[in-house]
Structures are given as structure tokens and as C-alpha cells.
Amino acid sequence: MRAHIRRTNRNSKRSRAGDAEPTRLGGVPSHSLNEPVIAARAVERHADFVRRPLGFWSSAVHGLLGHLEAVGFPAPRLVNVTDDYEELTWVEGESGAATWAKVVDEEGLGQWARLLRRYHDAVRDYRAEPDAVWSRGRGTGFICHGDPGPWNTVWKGGTIVAFIDFDHAHPGSPQDDIVYALEFGAPFRDDDTCVKHMAYPSTPDRRRRIQVLCDAYGVAVPANLATLVADRQLRDGALVADLARRGLEPQATWVREGYLETIRRRAEWSASAKL
């Protein structure tokens, strides 16, 4: 049964990181399409719920979360909306940087892929309103998670239990999310980054990991995968640039610190990978 959602009028004012360089697309958003953010507003945990600032995409995401609740998919539940904030149930377990190590071994990699497939099956028949506003624009159709990296999973011990952070859900195709997962699951990073920042004990066998992830999901390895990953990285860079122009954090800080150049270099590396 779906939780009762309250809407109140309050003028009140958890970030889960990825690797050592910024990888998450999400951040602390403005609640208006054109309103600049003067300073980043904190994400706060209160007992069994989390209070997060609203983004211009929040209404569309709330509809998605309501559907996921109705079909029983493991994700945060929306319980309250104010003028400035949303309140979501807290999903107990490990997430953020700790989860890189969870997907290094093939068992964890497979669990992650199967949860992504389960999410895609859960939303296959869902359709948002035609004019729904997402972080990447307007529209409906198949709704990708948009940011299904390891840091946006929750684990209890060695078992994956949920996806979180749907801020960058968007209309697309299942392959959009699969390619994104393969970027981080292969991973499409140089050997030094894999060992220093992504919990690998040694150079990963990328070809095998790509096959393991695709087998667990139940899909053939996409053709021209390196090109697809590089294209996705550049599109993610364009999203970061757009959110930064709107004044959103942390994207505005990332751009000031040269993150777009980092993304460009990553895309070059990916495009040249013989995978």
C-alpha cells in the first residue's frame, strides 16, 4: 500500500559519493526551473526519513517513486512534500563510496545487474505525463534510472537491497542505463584509477566483467560499446554543464574546478578502449 503523502507549507531551508573524482550526476538542486542556488542546501536525515531539497524535476520523480512503491520495487518512498523539500523514507544499509568494493567481485557485479534488470521490468509499463519535466528535459516513455551507479545502491552485508537517488531519471531506453552501468562495471577507467579509487586489488579483466554484467542482466553485450560509453560520458558532461549554468550545486563547483575537461578525457579514453 502506498504511504500517505502530506503536502505542507513550510519555508524551511546525504550525499552518497562515488570514486575520488565526481561521478554522481546528482546534487543539491534548486526547486524552481530558473531560480539560482545561492548556496548548497543540506540533505538531512531525521530518524527513518531523509529531507532533500526539491529540484525542478521532483514532480516527475515523485510520480515514478509512486509507481515503484505500487509495484513493490525496493526504493525510497515519498512521505511528505513541502514548498522546498521532499521527505523520503531512509533505506537502511551501506551505500556511497563503500559500495565500490561490493561490485568488484563477480557475485556483487551480478547482483547489481539483476537489480537494474528488475528496475527496468518494474517500469516497463509505466508512463509519466507527456509534459513531465526531468533533469534532462521533458517527455514520457520508458523511464531510465539515469544514475544507477554503485553509489546509488544500498547493501546489507553481501546483498543488494535497493536503488536510491532517482533525481536524474529520464525518458530513454534500457540500453541507456545498461551502458552507464557498464561504464562503471567494466570499468571504463584506466588501471591506476581502478586500483586507487575503485577498490580493485589489481587490473580488472574488463572483457570478462562486461560479459558477466550483461549475462546477469540478460542481454547481449552492446555492439560498439566503447563508442556508446564515450557518447554517454559526453552527454553526462552536457547535463553537468546545464545544471551548473542554472546555479545548481555541486555541478557549479565541479565546472569551476575543471570537471568538464575530466569528462572529455574520460570519453577519449573510453572511445579508444579495445573492449
C-alpha atoms as a PDB file:
ATOM      1  CA  MET A   1       0.000   0.000   0.000  1.00  0.00           C
ATOM      2  CA  ARG A   2       1.298   3.425  -0.861  1.00  0.00           C
ATOM      3  CA  ALA A   3       2.237   5.678   2.056  1.00  0.00           C
ATOM      4  CA  HIS A   4       0.054   8.742   2.630  1.00  0.00           C
ATOM      5  CA  ILE A   5       1.816  11.805   1.237  1.00  0.00           C
ATOM      6  CA  ARG A   6       1.350  15.072   3.090  1.00  0.00           C
ATOM      7  CA  ARG A   7       1.911  18.469   1.488  1.00  0.00           C
ATOM      8  CA  THR A   8       2.677  21.235   3.936  1.00  0.00           C
ATOM      9  CA  ASN A   9       3.686  24.848   3.556  1.00  0.00           C
ATOM     10  CA  ARG A  10       6.961  25.401   5.361  1.00  0.00           C
ATOM     11  CA  ASN A  11       9.660  27.871   4.421  1.00  0.00           C
ATOM     12  CA  SER A  12      12.500  25.829   5.849  1.00  0.00           C
ATOM     13  CA  LYS A  13      15.664  25.975   4.383  1.00  0.00           C
ATOM     14  CA  ARG A  14      23.350  12.667   2.263  1.00  0.00           C
ATOM     15  CA  SER A  15      25.259  12.868  -0.351  1.00  0.00           C
ATOM     16  CA  ARG A  16      26.470   9.435  -1.457  1.00  0.00           C
ATOM     17  CA  ALA A  17      29.773   9.883  -3.242  1.00  0.00           C
ATOM     18  CA  GLY A  18      31.279   7.774  -5.983  1.00  0.00           C
ATOM     19  CA  ASP A  19      35.006   7.470  -6.605  1.00  0.00           C
ATOM     20  CA  ALA A  20      37.587  10.106  -5.695  1.00  0.00           C
ATOM     21  CA  GLU A  21      36.600  12.173  -8.726  1.00  0.00           C
ATOM     22  CA  PRO A  22      32.971  13.336  -9.080  1.00  0.00           C
ATOM     23  CA  THR A  23      30.839  10.619 -10.676  1.00  0.00           C
ATOM     24  CA  ARG A  24      27.333  11.293  -9.440  1.00  0.00           C
ATOM     25  CA  LEU A  25      25.128  13.410 -11.618  1.00  0.00           C
ATOM     26  CA  GLY A  26      23.006  14.409  -8.671  1.00  0.00           C
ATOM     27  CA  GLY A  27      23.426  17.176  -6.187  1.00  0.00           C
ATOM     28  CA  VAL A  28      21.542  19.735  -4.155  1.00  0.00           C
ATOM     29  CA  PRO A  29      19.014  21.210  -6.552  1.00  0.00           C
ATOM     30  CA  SER A  30      17.004  24.378  -6.868  1.00  0.00           C
ATOM     31  CA  HIS A  31      13.248  23.916  -6.548  1.00  0.00           C
ATOM     32  CA  SER A  32      12.490  26.187  -9.497  1.00  0.00           C
ATOM     33  CA  LEU A  33      13.444  25.804 -13.139  1.00  0.00           C
ATOM     34  CA  ASN A  34      15.057  29.227 -13.293  1.00  0.00           C
ATOM     35  CA  GLU A  35      15.913  30.006  -9.671  1.00  0.00           C
ATOM     36  CA  PRO A  36      19.673  30.146  -8.973  1.00  0.00           C
ATOM     37  CA  VAL A  37      21.053  28.460  -5.894  1.00  0.00           C
ATOM     38  CA  ILE A  38      22.958  30.911  -3.735  1.00  0.00           C
ATOM     39  CA  ALA A  39      24.412  28.188  -1.530  1.00  0.00           C
ATOM     40  CA  ALA A  40      24.056  24.437  -1.420  1.00  0.00           C
ATOM     41  CA  ARG A  41      21.330  23.267   0.955  1.00  0.00           C
ATOM     42  CA  ALA A  42      21.980  20.258   3.113  1.00  0.00           C
ATOM     43  CA  VAL A  43      20.380  16.851   2.797  1.00  0.00           C
ATOM     44  CA  GLU A  44      19.302  15.870   6.288  1.00  0.00           C
ATOM     45  CA  ARG A  45      18.456  12.530   7.857  1.00  0.00           C
ATOM     46  CA  HIS A  46      15.769  12.552  10.553  1.00  0.00           C
ATOM     47  CA  ALA A  47      15.375   9.122  12.149  1.00  0.00           C
ATOM     48  CA  ASP A  48      13.703   6.995   9.469  1.00  0.00           C
ATOM     49  CA  PHE A  49      13.353   9.612   6.734  1.00  0.00           C
ATOM     50  CA  VAL A  50      15.556  11.930   4.675  1.00  0.00           C
ATOM     51  CA  ARG A  51      14.759  15.566   3.882  1.00  0.00           C
ATOM     52  CA  ARG A  52      16.094  16.663   0.493  1.00  0.00           C
ATOM     53  CA  PRO A  53      15.710  19.951  -1.380  1.00  0.00           C
ATOM     54  CA  LEU A  54      13.278  19.817  -4.282  1.00  0.00           C
ATOM     55  CA  GLY A  55      14.543  20.070  -7.848  1.00  0.00           C
ATOM     56  CA  PHE A  56      12.691  21.271 -10.922  1.00  0.00           C
ATOM     57  CA  TRP A  57      12.412  17.567 -11.823  1.00  0.00           C
ATOM     58  CA  SER A  58      10.927  16.474  -8.489  1.00  0.00           C
ATOM     59  CA  SER A  59       7.279  16.270  -9.535  1.00  0.00           C
ATOM     60  CA  ALA A  60       8.126  13.813 -12.317  1.00  0.00           C
ATOM     61  CA  VAL A  61      10.345  11.765  -9.997  1.00  0.00           C
ATOM     62  CA  HIS A  62       7.602  11.649  -7.356  1.00  0.00           C
ATOM     63  CA  GLY A  63       5.289  10.055  -9.903  1.00  0.00           C
ATOM     64  CA  LEU A  64       7.963   7.470 -10.668  1.00  0.00           C
ATOM     65  CA  LEU A  65       8.533   6.733  -6.989  1.00  0.00           C
ATOM     66  CA  GLY A  66       4.787   6.274  -6.511  1.00  0.00           C
ATOM     67  CA  HIS A  67       4.769   3.685  -9.285  1.00  0.00           C
ATOM     68  CA  LEU A  68       7.771   1.861  -7.814  1.00  0.00           C
ATOM     69  CA  GLU A  69       6.017   1.716  -4.471  1.00  0.00           C
ATOM     70  CA  ALA A  70       2.845   0.377  -6.076  1.00  0.00           C
ATOM     71  CA  VAL A  71       4.717  -2.465  -7.793  1.00  0.00           C
ATOM     72  CA  GLY A  72       6.904  -3.229  -4.769  1.00  0.00           C
ATOM     73  CA  PHE A  73      10.273  -2.266  -6.188  1.00  0.00           C
ATOM     74  CA  PRO A  74      12.869  -1.547  -3.440  1.00  0.00           C
ATOM     75  CA  ALA A  75      13.427   2.217  -3.472  1.00  0.00           C
ATOM     76  CA  PRO A  76      12.762   5.158  -1.149  1.00  0.00           C
ATOM     77  CA  ARG A  77       9.094   6.031  -0.585  1.00  0.00           C
ATOM     78  CA  LEU A  78       7.817   9.582  -0.755  1.00  0.00           C
ATOM     79  CA  VAL A  79       6.100  10.542   2.509  1.00  0.00           C
ATOM     80  CA  ASN A  80       5.896  14.349   2.514  1.00  0.00           C
ATOM     81  CA  VAL A  81       6.405  17.395   0.298  1.00  0.00           C
ATOM     82  CA  THR A  82       6.816  20.988   1.490  1.00  0.00           C
ATOM     83  CA  ASP A  83       7.366  24.160  -0.514  1.00  0.00           C
ATOM     84  CA  ASP A  84      11.104  23.494  -0.592  1.00  0.00           C
ATOM     85  CA  TYR A  85      11.721  19.896   0.414  1.00  0.00           C
ATOM     86  CA  GLU A  86      10.761  16.304  -0.132  1.00  0.00           C
ATOM     87  CA  GLU A  87      10.847  13.737   2.638  1.00  0.00           C
ATOM     88  CA  LEU A  88      11.692  10.165   1.669  1.00  0.00           C
ATOM     89  CA  THR A  89      11.996   7.005   3.697  1.00  0.00           C
ATOM     90  CA  TRP A  90      15.531   6.124   4.705  1.00  0.00           C
ATOM     91  CA  VAL A  91      16.750   2.806   3.271  1.00  0.00           C
ATOM     92  CA  GLU A  92      18.976   1.171   5.857  1.00  0.00           C
ATOM     93  CA  GLY A  93      22.300  -0.286   4.728  1.00  0.00           C
ATOM     94  CA  GLU A  94      25.598   0.608   3.093  1.00  0.00           C
ATOM     95  CA  SER A  95      25.774   2.969   0.126  1.00  0.00           C
ATOM     96  CA  GLY A  96      28.043   5.608  -1.338  1.00  0.00           C
ATOM     97  CA  ALA A  97      31.794   5.035  -1.532  1.00  0.00           C
ATOM     98  CA  ALA A  98      31.582   1.740   0.380  1.00  0.00           C
ATOM     99  CA  THR A  99      29.668   0.125  -2.462  1.00  0.00           C
ATOM    100  CA  TRP A 100      32.526   0.235  -4.966  1.00  0.00           C
ATOM    101  CA  ALA A 101      34.001  -2.790  -3.207  1.00  0.00           C
ATOM    102  CA  LYS A 102      30.640  -4.578  -3.374  1.00  0.00           C
ATOM    103  CA  VAL A 103      30.726  -4.814  -7.174  1.00  0.00           C
ATOM    104  CA  VAL A 104      34.397  -5.752  -7.588  1.00  0.00           C
ATOM    105  CA  ASP A 105      33.690  -9.467  -7.163  1.00  0.00           C
ATOM    106  CA  GLU A 106      31.543 -11.136  -9.802  1.00  0.00           C
ATOM    107  CA  GLU A 107      28.788 -12.088  -7.354  1.00  0.00           C
ATOM    108  CA  GLY A 108      28.234  -8.457  -6.406  1.00  0.00           C
ATOM    109  CA  LEU A 109      28.532  -7.356 -10.025  1.00  0.00           C
ATOM    110  CA  GLY A 110      25.822  -9.820 -10.969  1.00  0.00           C
ATOM    111  CA  GLN A 111      23.521  -8.722  -8.145  1.00  0.00           C
ATOM    112  CA  TRP A 112      23.810  -5.116  -9.286  1.00  0.00           C
ATOM    113  CA  ALA A 113      22.990  -6.075 -12.887  1.00  0.00           C
ATOM    114  CA  ARG A 114      19.995  -8.149 -11.806  1.00  0.00           C
ATOM    115  CA  LEU A 115      18.632  -5.282  -9.699  1.00  0.00           C
ATOM    116  CA  LEU A 116      18.930  -2.983 -12.720  1.00  0.00           C
ATOM    117  CA  ARG A 117      17.003  -5.537 -14.798  1.00  0.00           C
ATOM    118  CA  ARG A 118      14.400  -5.750 -12.034  1.00  0.00           C
ATOM    119  CA  TYR A 119      14.040  -1.961 -12.106  1.00  0.00           C
ATOM    120  CA  HIS A 120      13.611  -1.971 -15.878  1.00  0.00           C
ATOM    121  CA  ASP A 121      10.963  -4.697 -15.638  1.00  0.00           C
ATOM    122  CA  ALA A 122       9.185  -2.651 -12.943  1.00  0.00           C
ATOM    123  CA  VAL A 123       8.915   0.474 -15.117  1.00  0.00           C
ATOM    124  CA  ARG A 124       8.348  -1.154 -18.494  1.00  0.00           C
ATOM    125  CA  ASP A 125       4.630  -0.328 -18.460  1.00  0.00           C
ATOM    126  CA  TYR A 126       4.909   2.961 -16.577  1.00  0.00           C
ATOM    127  CA  ARG A 127       4.247   6.187 -18.448  1.00  0.00           C
ATOM    128  CA  ALA A 128       4.688   9.621 -16.955  1.00  0.00           C
ATOM    129  CA  GLU A 129       2.618  12.603 -18.031  1.00  0.00           C
ATOM    130  CA  PRO A 130       3.568  13.722 -21.553  1.00  0.00           C
ATOM    131  CA  ASP A 131       4.799  17.098 -20.281  1.00  0.00           C
ATOM    132  CA  ALA A 132       6.708  15.681 -17.288  1.00  0.00           C
ATOM    133  CA  VAL A 133       9.877  17.687 -16.568  1.00  0.00           C
ATOM    134  CA  TRP A 134      13.048  15.683 -15.879  1.00  0.00           C
ATOM    135  CA  SER A 135      16.588  16.889 -15.276  1.00  0.00           C
ATOM    136  CA  ARG A 136      17.349  16.131 -18.939  1.00  0.00           C
ATOM    137  CA  GLY A 137      14.201  17.732 -20.353  1.00  0.00           C
ATOM    138  CA  ARG A 138      10.514  16.985 -20.872  1.00  0.00           C
ATOM    139  CA  GLY A 139       8.770  13.863 -22.020  1.00  0.00           C
ATOM    140  CA  THR A 140       7.492  10.395 -21.297  1.00  0.00           C
ATOM    141  CA  GLY A 141       8.171   6.850 -22.447  1.00  0.00           C
ATOM    142  CA  PHE A 142      10.438   4.255 -20.857  1.00  0.00           C
ATOM    143  CA  ILE A 143      11.952   5.893 -17.749  1.00  0.00           C
ATOM    144  CA  CYS A 144      15.615   5.143 -17.051  1.00  0.00           C
ATOM    145  CA  HIS A 145      17.010   5.406 -13.543  1.00  0.00           C
ATOM    146  CA  GLY A 146      19.562   7.747 -15.115  1.00  0.00           C
ATOM    147  CA  ASP A 147      22.263   7.396 -12.451  1.00  0.00           C
ATOM    148  CA  PRO A 148      22.348   3.699 -11.455  1.00  0.00           C
ATOM    149  CA  GLY A 149      25.980   3.630 -10.336  1.00  0.00           C
ATOM    150  CA  PRO A 150      27.166   1.517  -7.413  1.00  0.00           C
ATOM    151  CA  TRP A 151      26.989   4.563  -5.093  1.00  0.00           C
ATOM    152  CA  ASN A 152      23.210   4.697  -5.675  1.00  0.00           C
ATOM    153  CA  THR A 153      22.674   1.154  -4.443  1.00  0.00           C
ATOM    154  CA  VAL A 154      22.106   0.027  -0.855  1.00  0.00           C
ATOM    155  CA  TRP A 155      23.562  -3.170   0.550  1.00  0.00           C
ATOM    156  CA  LYS A 156      23.079  -5.221   3.698  1.00  0.00           C
ATOM    157  CA  GLY A 157      26.178  -7.298   4.099  1.00  0.00           C
ATOM    158  CA  GLY A 158      26.777  -9.002   0.763  1.00  0.00           C
ATOM    159  CA  THR A 159      23.224  -8.499  -0.524  1.00  0.00           C
ATOM    160  CA  ILE A 160      21.999  -5.600  -2.626  1.00  0.00           C
ATOM    161  CA  VAL A 161      18.637  -4.354  -1.354  1.00  0.00           C
ATOM    162  CA  ALA A 162      17.642  -1.156  -3.162  1.00  0.00           C
ATOM    163  CA  PHE A 163      18.310   1.613  -5.631  1.00  0.00           C
ATOM    164  CA  ILE A 164      18.233   5.198  -4.380  1.00  0.00           C
ATOM    165  CA  ASP A 165      18.519   8.728  -5.830  1.00  0.00           C
ATOM    166  CA  PHE A 166      16.247   8.968  -8.862  1.00  0.00           C
ATOM    167  CA  ASP A 167      16.927  12.683  -9.407  1.00  0.00           C
ATOM    168  CA  HIS A 168      18.213  12.058 -12.914  1.00  0.00           C
ATOM    169  CA  ALA A 169      15.605   9.594 -14.094  1.00  0.00           C
ATOM    170  CA  HIS A 170      14.661  10.414 -17.663  1.00  0.00           C
ATOM    171  CA  PRO A 171      12.897   9.028 -20.744  1.00  0.00           C
ATOM    172  CA  GLY A 172      15.171   6.799 -22.786  1.00  0.00           C
ATOM    173  CA  SER A 173      15.801   3.122 -23.366  1.00  0.00           C
ATOM    174  CA  PRO A 174      17.031   0.285 -21.154  1.00  0.00           C
ATOM    175  CA  GLN A 175      20.330   0.416 -23.043  1.00  0.00           C
ATOM    176  CA  ASP A 176      20.966   3.926 -21.682  1.00  0.00           C
ATOM    177  CA  ASP A 177      21.145   2.538 -18.137  1.00  0.00           C
ATOM    178  CA  ILE A 178      22.980  -0.625 -19.224  1.00  0.00           C
ATOM    179  CA  VAL A 179      25.727   1.383 -20.935  1.00  0.00           C
ATOM    180  CA  TYR A 180      26.020   3.599 -17.850  1.00  0.00           C
ATOM    181  CA  ALA A 181      26.340   0.533 -15.624  1.00  0.00           C
ATOM    182  CA  LEU A 182      28.965  -0.930 -17.930  1.00  0.00           C
ATOM    183  CA  GLU A 183      30.961   2.300 -17.738  1.00  0.00           C
ATOM    184  CA  PHE A 184      31.400   1.745 -14.023  1.00  0.00           C
ATOM    185  CA  GLY A 185      31.166  -2.041 -14.010  1.00  0.00           C
ATOM    186  CA  ALA A 186      33.887  -2.804 -16.585  1.00  0.00           C
ATOM    187  CA  PRO A 187      35.068  -0.192 -15.604  1.00  0.00           C
ATOM    188  CA  PHE A 188      35.915   2.294 -18.346  1.00  0.00           C
ATOM    189  CA  ARG A 189      38.724   3.855 -16.316  1.00  0.00           C
ATOM    190  CA  ASP A 190      42.490   3.476 -16.540  1.00  0.00           C
ATOM    191  CA  ASP A 191      44.204   0.819 -14.429  1.00  0.00           C
ATOM    192  CA  ASP A 192      45.604   3.303 -11.924  1.00  0.00           C
ATOM    193  CA  THR A 193      42.156   4.775 -11.200  1.00  0.00           C
ATOM    194  CA  CYS A 194      40.643   1.309 -10.804  1.00  0.00           C
ATOM    195  CA  VAL A 195      43.174   0.320  -8.152  1.00  0.00           C
ATOM    196  CA  LYS A 196      43.488   3.635  -6.313  1.00  0.00           C
ATOM    197  CA  HIS A 197      39.867   4.790  -6.286  1.00  0.00           C
ATOM    198  CA  MET A 198      37.548   1.927  -7.196  1.00  0.00           C
ATOM    199  CA  ALA A 199      38.631  -0.823  -4.775  1.00  0.00           C
ATOM    200  CA  TYR A 200      40.189  -3.190  -7.332  1.00  0.00           C
ATOM    201  CA  PRO A 201      43.117  -5.197  -5.926  1.00  0.00           C
ATOM    202  CA  SER A 202      44.694  -5.346  -9.388  1.00  0.00           C
ATOM    203  CA  THR A 203      43.948  -4.552 -13.029  1.00  0.00           C
ATOM    204  CA  PRO A 204      40.366  -5.681 -13.764  1.00  0.00           C
ATOM    205  CA  ASP A 205      39.566  -8.130 -16.545  1.00  0.00           C
ATOM    206  CA  ARG A 206      37.253  -5.704 -18.299  1.00  0.00           C
ATOM    207  CA  ARG A 207      36.123  -8.012 -21.078  1.00  0.00           C
ATOM    208  CA  ARG A 208      35.073 -10.675 -18.609  1.00  0.00           C
ATOM    209  CA  ARG A 209      33.334  -8.164 -16.351  1.00  0.00           C
ATOM    210  CA  ILE A 210      31.373  -6.755 -19.291  1.00  0.00           C
ATOM    211  CA  GLN A 211      30.203 -10.262 -20.153  1.00  0.00           C
ATOM    212  CA  VAL A 212      29.335 -11.106 -16.533  1.00  0.00           C
ATOM    213  CA  LEU A 213      27.250  -7.946 -16.127  1.00  0.00           C
ATOM    214  CA  CYS A 214      25.417  -8.471 -19.414  1.00  0.00           C
ATOM    215  CA  ASP A 215      24.783 -12.144 -18.691  1.00  0.00           C
ATOM    216  CA  ALA A 216      23.390 -11.338 -15.259  1.00  0.00           C
ATOM    217  CA  TYR A 217      21.126  -8.651 -16.707  1.00  0.00           C
ATOM    218  CA  GLY A 218      20.092 -10.954 -19.552  1.00  0.00           C
ATOM    219  CA  VAL A 219      21.245  -9.009 -22.603  1.00  0.00           C
ATOM    220  CA  ALA A 220      23.887  -9.362 -25.289  1.00  0.00           C
ATOM    221  CA  VAL A 221      26.930  -7.128 -24.978  1.00  0.00           C
ATOM    222  CA  PRO A 222      26.008  -3.972 -26.933  1.00  0.00           C
ATOM    223  CA  ALA A 223      27.773  -3.534 -30.260  1.00  0.00           C
ATOM    224  CA  ASN A 224      30.260  -0.651 -30.426  1.00  0.00           C
ATOM    225  CA  LEU A 225      30.258  -0.491 -26.632  1.00  0.00           C
ATOM    226  CA  ALA A 226      33.290   1.788 -26.333  1.00  0.00           C
ATOM    227  CA  THR A 227      31.630   4.353 -28.597  1.00  0.00           C
ATOM    228  CA  LEU A 228      28.362   4.108 -26.653  1.00  0.00           C
ATOM    229  CA  VAL A 229      30.145   4.660 -23.340  1.00  0.00           C
ATOM    230  CA  ALA A 230      32.102   7.640 -24.669  1.00  0.00           C
ATOM    231  CA  ASP A 231      28.896   9.177 -26.034  1.00  0.00           C
ATOM    232  CA  ARG A 232      27.146   8.669 -22.711  1.00  0.00           C
ATOM    233  CA  GLN A 233      30.018  10.305 -20.853  1.00  0.00           C
ATOM    234  CA  LEU A 234      29.828  13.361 -23.118  1.00  0.00           C
ATOM    235  CA  ARG A 235      26.048  13.562 -22.670  1.00  0.00           C
ATOM    236  CA  ASP A 236      26.512  13.394 -18.907  1.00  0.00           C
ATOM    237  CA  GLY A 237      29.040  16.203 -19.213  1.00  0.00           C
ATOM    238  CA  ALA A 238      26.468  18.265 -21.099  1.00  0.00           C
ATOM    239  CA  LEU A 239      23.974  17.665 -18.291  1.00  0.00           C
ATOM    240  CA  VAL A 240      26.517  18.736 -15.675  1.00  0.00           C
ATOM    241  CA  ALA A 241      27.204  21.905 -17.692  1.00  0.00           C
ATOM    242  CA  ASP A 242      23.471  22.652 -17.980  1.00  0.00           C
ATOM    243  CA  LEU A 243      22.845  22.206 -14.263  1.00  0.00           C
ATOM    244  CA  ALA A 244      25.889  24.339 -13.479  1.00  0.00           C
ATOM    245  CA  ARG A 245      24.522  27.136 -15.681  1.00  0.00           C
ATOM    246  CA  ARG A 246      21.349  27.026 -13.615  1.00  0.00           C
ATOM    247  CA  GLY A 247      23.462  27.558 -10.488  1.00  0.00           C
ATOM    248  CA  LEU A 248      22.918  24.100  -9.041  1.00  0.00           C
ATOM    249  CA  GLU A 249      25.435  22.524  -6.704  1.00  0.00           C
ATOM    250  CA  PRO A 250      27.624  20.543  -6.738  1.00  0.00           C
ATOM    251  CA  GLN A 251      27.669  20.850 -10.523  1.00  0.00           C
ATOM    252  CA  ALA A 252      28.560  24.560 -10.494  1.00  0.00           C
ATOM    253  CA  THR A 253      31.585  23.802  -8.318  1.00  0.00           C
ATOM    254  CA  TRP A 254      32.557  20.836 -10.481  1.00  0.00           C
ATOM    255  CA  VAL A 255      32.599  23.016 -13.586  1.00  0.00           C
ATOM    256  CA  ARG A 256      34.659  25.719 -11.875  1.00  0.00           C
ATOM    257  CA  GLU A 257      37.157  23.048 -10.853  1.00  0.00           C
ATOM    258  CA  GLY A 258      37.558  21.743 -14.396  1.00  0.00           C
ATOM    259  CA  TYR A 259      35.366  18.655 -14.287  1.00  0.00           C
ATOM    260  CA  LEU A 260      34.189  19.069 -17.881  1.00  0.00           C
ATOM    261  CA  GLU A 261      37.778  18.597 -19.031  1.00  0.00           C
ATOM    262  CA  THR A 262      37.962  15.456 -16.877  1.00  0.00           C
ATOM    263  CA  ILE A 263      34.866  14.120 -18.614  1.00  0.00           C
ATOM    264  CA  ARG A 264      36.338  14.940 -22.033  1.00  0.00           C
ATOM    265  CA  ARG A 265      39.488  12.974 -21.186  1.00  0.00           C
ATOM    266  CA  ARG A 266      37.439  10.061 -19.891  1.00  0.00           C
ATOM    267  CA  ALA A 267      35.426   9.963 -23.098  1.00  0.00           C
ATOM    268  CA  GLU A 268      38.619   9.948 -25.155  1.00  0.00           C
ATOM    269  CA  TRP A 269      39.944   7.036 -23.103  1.00  0.00           C
ATOM    270  CA  SER A 270      36.674   5.127 -23.474  1.00  0.00           C
ATOM    271  CA  ALA A 271      36.433   5.694 -27.229  1.00  0.00           C
ATOM    272  CA  SER A 272      39.924   4.267 -27.693  1.00  0.00           C
ATOM    273  CA  ALA A 273      39.381   1.246 -25.426  1.00  0.00           C
ATOM    274  CA  LYS A 274      39.592  -2.062 -27.266  1.00  0.00           C
ATOM    275  CA  LEU A 275      36.689  -3.671 -25.452  1.00  0.00           C
END
